Amino acid sequence: MESLATFKEPDNGGDRLHEHEWALRNAIVIEQEMRKRGTSTLSERDESMADNAAWLADRFAGERIVIWAHNGHVTREEGRMGHFLEQAMPGAYRAIALAAGSGDYTAFLNEVQAGNPLQAPPADSLEHVLGALDAPALMLDLRAIGDQEPGAIWRTPATRFRSIGWSIEVEQFTKHSPAAVFDAVIYIDETSSARQLPSTPMPARR
């Protein structure tokens, strides 16, 4: 790592410098993974995710970047990736949550399993309210709502909101105040399990 960080490429073109930057970043990612397997906390993991995203943003200055991750990572909740990204680029980060009313999902329990059913949204959940609009898909801009309706369900700390990660969840809903940690919610009324794309071995480099 130290050798990569202190390496100085002769000024004979930008391609080699570009390759060196990526090599160093890949080495940093490996170091982050090793820490995660050791004593790293969830907050440290999310801070590493934010650091990698910010690194990409620096190299694609002026471009918009979409980071596809679990709601628990994109949230602005303290100690999560979205919180660290907001600190790194104040005013430029947008936390958009994903929600679904019904269908099934792919998750892990001893092995990857598709067809796991989504639980019906309880009456005190954001999904229940959005599902009542009878739209196949919609986007709710929480920033536009602001403080106009402080009693609305999206501003209530006790609002249930579905949270599913890589494993099969017995209890799929946790309590949040969506407007406090997200800028918008994309709601899909019915979803289906993710399908793995066929893998193609990478050709050996010479």
Protein backbone atom coordinates (compact mmCIF):
# COMPACT_ATOMS: atom_id res chain seq x y z
CA MET A 1 0.00 0.00 0.00
CA GLU A 2 2.75 2.46 0.95
CA SER A 3 4.65 1.69 -2.26
CA LEU A 4 1.56 2.34 -4.36
CA ALA A 5 0.76 5.57 -2.53
CA THR A 6 4.27 7.00 -2.99
CA PHE A 7 4.75 5.77 -6.57
CA LYS A 8 5.56 8.57 -9.01
CA GLU A 9 4.79 7.88 -12.66
CA PRO A 10 6.99 9.63 -15.23
CA ASP A 11 5.15 12.34 -17.15
CA ASN A 12 4.68 10.35 -20.35
CA GLY A 13 0.90 10.32 -20.68
CA GLY A 14 -2.21 10.18 -18.57
CA ASP A 15 -3.18 6.52 -19.10
CA ARG A 16 -0.54 5.10 -16.79
CA LEU A 17 -1.37 7.66 -14.11
CA HIS A 18 -5.04 6.72 -14.44
CA GLU A 19 -4.16 3.03 -13.99
CA HIS A 20 -2.07 3.85 -10.93
CA GLU A 21 -4.94 5.77 -9.31
CA TRP A 22 -7.29 2.82 -9.81
CA ALA A 23 -4.69 0.34 -8.56
CA LEU A 24 -4.25 2.38 -5.39
CA ARG A 25 -8.01 2.68 -4.87
CA ASN A 26 -8.46 -1.08 -5.38
CA ALA A 27 -5.77 -1.70 -2.78
CA ILE A 28 -7.61 0.63 -0.38
CA VAL A 29 -10.84 -1.30 -0.98
CA ILE A 30 -9.06 -4.57 -0.12
CA GLU A 31 -7.73 -2.96 3.06
CA GLN A 32 -11.25 -1.79 3.92
CA GLU A 33 -12.59 -5.32 3.41
CA MET A 34 -9.92 -6.80 5.66
CA ARG A 35 -10.82 -4.32 8.39
CA LYS A 36 -14.50 -5.24 7.98
CA ARG A 37 -13.65 -8.90 8.54
CA GLY A 38 -11.78 -7.94 11.69
CA THR A 39 -12.95 -5.40 14.28
CA SER A 40 -14.59 -2.87 11.95
CA THR A 41 -17.98 -1.50 13.04
CA LEU A 42 -21.00 -0.95 10.80
CA SER A 43 -20.34 2.79 10.92
CA GLU A 44 -16.74 2.28 9.77
CA ARG A 45 -17.99 0.11 6.92
CA ASP A 46 -20.41 2.84 5.80
CA GLU A 47 -17.67 5.45 6.11
CA SER A 48 -15.54 3.34 3.75
CA MET A 49 -18.44 3.10 1.29
CA ALA A 50 -18.83 6.88 1.37
CA ASP A 51 -15.09 7.38 0.91
CA ASN A 52 -15.11 5.20 -2.22
CA ALA A 53 -18.16 7.01 -3.62
CA ALA A 54 -16.61 10.42 -2.94
CA TRP A 55 -13.42 9.28 -4.69
CA LEU A 56 -15.46 8.42 -7.80
CA ALA A 57 -17.29 11.76 -7.61
CA ASP A 58 -13.95 13.59 -7.61
CA ARG A 59 -12.89 11.78 -10.78
CA PHE A 60 -16.17 12.42 -12.56
CA ALA A 61 -16.51 16.04 -11.51
CA GLY A 62 -19.66 17.66 -12.87
CA GLU A 63 -21.33 14.31 -13.57
CA ARG A 64 -24.28 12.83 -11.70
CA ILE A 65 -23.62 9.51 -9.98
CA VAL A 66 -26.25 6.98 -8.86
CA ILE A 67 -25.27 4.78 -5.91
CA TRP A 68 -27.52 1.72 -5.67
CA ALA A 69 -27.56 0.46 -2.09
CA HIS A 70 -29.80 -0.65 0.77
CA ASN A 71 -32.00 2.04 2.31
CA GLY A 72 -30.02 1.50 5.50
CA HIS A 73 -26.89 2.76 3.74
CA VAL A 74 -28.24 5.66 1.68
CA THR A 75 -30.09 7.14 4.68
CA ARG A 76 -28.79 10.35 6.28
CA GLU A 77 -28.98 8.67 9.68
CA GLU A 78 -25.80 9.36 11.67
CA GLY A 79 -23.07 6.80 11.07
CA ARG A 80 -24.46 5.63 7.72
CA MET A 81 -23.06 6.14 4.22
CA GLY A 82 -25.51 8.90 3.35
CA HIS A 83 -24.52 10.81 6.48
CA PHE A 84 -20.84 10.70 5.52
CA LEU A 85 -21.57 11.64 1.89
CA GLU A 86 -23.58 14.66 3.01
CA GLN A 87 -20.58 15.75 5.08
CA ALA A 88 -18.21 15.22 2.14
CA MET A 89 -20.37 17.09 -0.40
CA PRO A 90 -22.81 19.36 1.48
CA GLY A 91 -25.98 20.09 -0.46
CA ALA A 92 -25.05 17.82 -3.38
CA TYR A 93 -26.21 14.47 -1.99
CA ARG A 94 -29.77 13.17 -2.38
CA ALA A 95 -30.97 10.18 -0.34
CA ILE A 96 -33.70 8.31 -2.23
CA ALA A 97 -35.34 5.29 -0.59
CA LEU A 98 -36.97 2.37 -2.39
CA ALA A 99 -40.26 0.85 -1.23
CA ALA A 100 -42.62 -1.86 -2.47
CA GLY A 101 -46.14 -2.90 -1.59
CA SER A 102 -46.26 -6.56 -2.60
CA GLY A 103 -44.43 -9.31 -4.47
CA ASP A 104 -41.35 -11.33 -3.58
CA TYR A 105 -37.59 -10.90 -3.23
CA THR A 106 -34.27 -12.76 -3.40
CA ALA A 107 -32.31 -13.24 -0.18
CA PHE A 108 -29.92 -15.62 1.57
CA LEU A 109 -30.69 -18.39 4.07
CA ASN A 110 -28.03 -21.12 3.84
CA GLU A 111 -28.19 -20.42 0.10
CA VAL A 112 -29.56 -17.77 -2.26
CA GLN A 113 -33.32 -18.17 -2.50
CA ALA A 114 -35.79 -16.39 -4.76
CA GLY A 115 -39.53 -16.14 -4.25
CA ASN A 116 -39.52 -14.93 -0.63
CA PRO A 117 -42.87 -13.17 -0.10
CA LEU A 118 -43.14 -9.55 0.97
CA GLN A 119 -45.33 -9.15 4.04
CA ALA A 120 -48.49 -7.09 3.60
CA PRO A 121 -47.82 -3.51 4.76
CA PRO A 122 -49.38 -2.76 8.17
CA ALA A 123 -51.80 0.16 8.46
CA ASP A 124 -49.20 2.37 10.15
CA SER A 125 -46.63 1.93 7.37
CA LEU A 126 -45.59 4.30 4.60
CA GLU A 127 -46.13 1.49 2.06
CA HIS A 128 -49.76 1.13 3.15
CA VAL A 129 -50.42 4.85 2.57
CA LEU A 130 -48.68 4.90 -0.82
CA GLY A 131 -50.39 1.67 -1.89
CA ALA A 132 -53.79 3.26 -1.23
CA LEU A 133 -53.07 5.67 -4.10
CA ASP A 134 -53.54 2.72 -6.48
CA ALA A 135 -50.57 3.64 -8.70
CA PRO A 136 -48.22 0.99 -10.16
CA ALA A 137 -45.24 3.23 -9.34
CA LEU A 138 -44.64 6.73 -8.03
CA MET A 139 -42.03 9.02 -6.52
CA LEU A 140 -42.75 11.04 -3.40
CA ASP A 141 -40.58 14.16 -3.07
CA LEU A 142 -40.24 14.61 0.68
CA ARG A 143 -38.37 17.90 0.23
CA ALA A 144 -41.38 19.49 -1.46
CA ILE A 145 -43.59 18.58 1.50
CA GLY A 146 -41.33 20.28 4.03
CA ASP A 147 -43.08 21.27 7.25
CA GLN A 148 -46.45 21.88 5.65
CA GLU A 149 -47.98 18.74 7.15
CA PRO A 150 -46.07 17.93 10.38
CA GLY A 151 -48.56 15.25 11.37
CA ALA A 152 -48.34 13.33 8.09
CA ILE A 153 -47.14 9.76 8.27
CA TRP A 154 -43.88 10.48 6.43
CA ARG A 155 -42.84 12.87 9.23
CA THR A 156 -43.85 10.65 12.17
CA PRO A 157 -40.96 8.87 13.98
CA ALA A 158 -43.18 5.83 14.59
CA THR A 159 -43.86 5.23 10.88
CA ARG A 160 -43.19 1.64 9.83
CA PHE A 161 -41.02 1.27 6.75
CA ARG A 162 -39.93 -1.98 5.10
CA SER A 163 -36.28 -2.90 5.59
CA ILE A 164 -34.91 -6.01 3.86
CA GLY A 165 -31.23 -6.75 3.35
CA TRP A 166 -29.27 -9.71 2.06
CA SER A 167 -30.92 -12.22 4.42
CA ILE A 168 -34.50 -13.43 4.79
CA GLU A 169 -36.23 -11.25 7.38
CA VAL A 170 -38.84 -12.50 9.85
CA GLU A 171 -39.92 -8.94 10.70
CA GLN A 172 -39.73 -6.80 7.56
CA PHE A 173 -40.81 -3.43 8.99
CA THR A 174 -38.91 -1.07 11.29
CA LYS A 175 -39.85 2.36 12.64
CA HIS A 176 -38.48 5.53 11.02
CA SER A 177 -39.27 9.14 10.27
CA PRO A 178 -38.79 8.95 6.46
CA ALA A 179 -38.68 12.72 5.87
CA ALA A 180 -35.91 13.13 8.46
CA VAL A 181 -33.43 10.85 6.69
CA PHE A 182 -34.55 10.68 3.02
CA ASP A 183 -35.18 13.28 0.32
CA ALA A 184 -37.58 11.11 -1.68
CA VAL A 185 -39.17 7.67 -1.84
CA ILE A 186 -39.62 5.63 -5.02
CA TYR A 187 -42.59 3.28 -4.52
CA ILE A 188 -43.30 0.23 -6.71
CA ASP A 189 -46.63 -1.42 -5.99
CA GLU A 190 -45.57 -4.96 -7.01
CA THR A 191 -42.04 -6.23 -7.38
CA SER A 192 -40.40 -9.58 -8.16
CA SER A 193 -37.29 -11.46 -7.14
CA ALA A 194 -33.97 -10.36 -8.61
CA ARG A 195 -32.70 -12.67 -11.33
CA GLN A 196 -28.99 -13.37 -11.60
CA LEU A 197 -27.47 -12.58 -14.98
CA PRO A 198 -25.37 -15.31 -16.61
CA SER A 199 -21.74 -14.90 -15.68
CA THR A 200 -19.00 -14.74 -18.27
CA PRO A 201 -15.40 -15.49 -17.24
CA MET A 202 -13.07 -12.55 -17.78
CA PRO A 203 -10.33 -13.17 -20.33
CA ALA A 204 -6.86 -13.64 -18.87
CA ARG A 205 -4.67 -10.54 -19.08
CA ARG A 206 -1.33 -10.91 -20.83
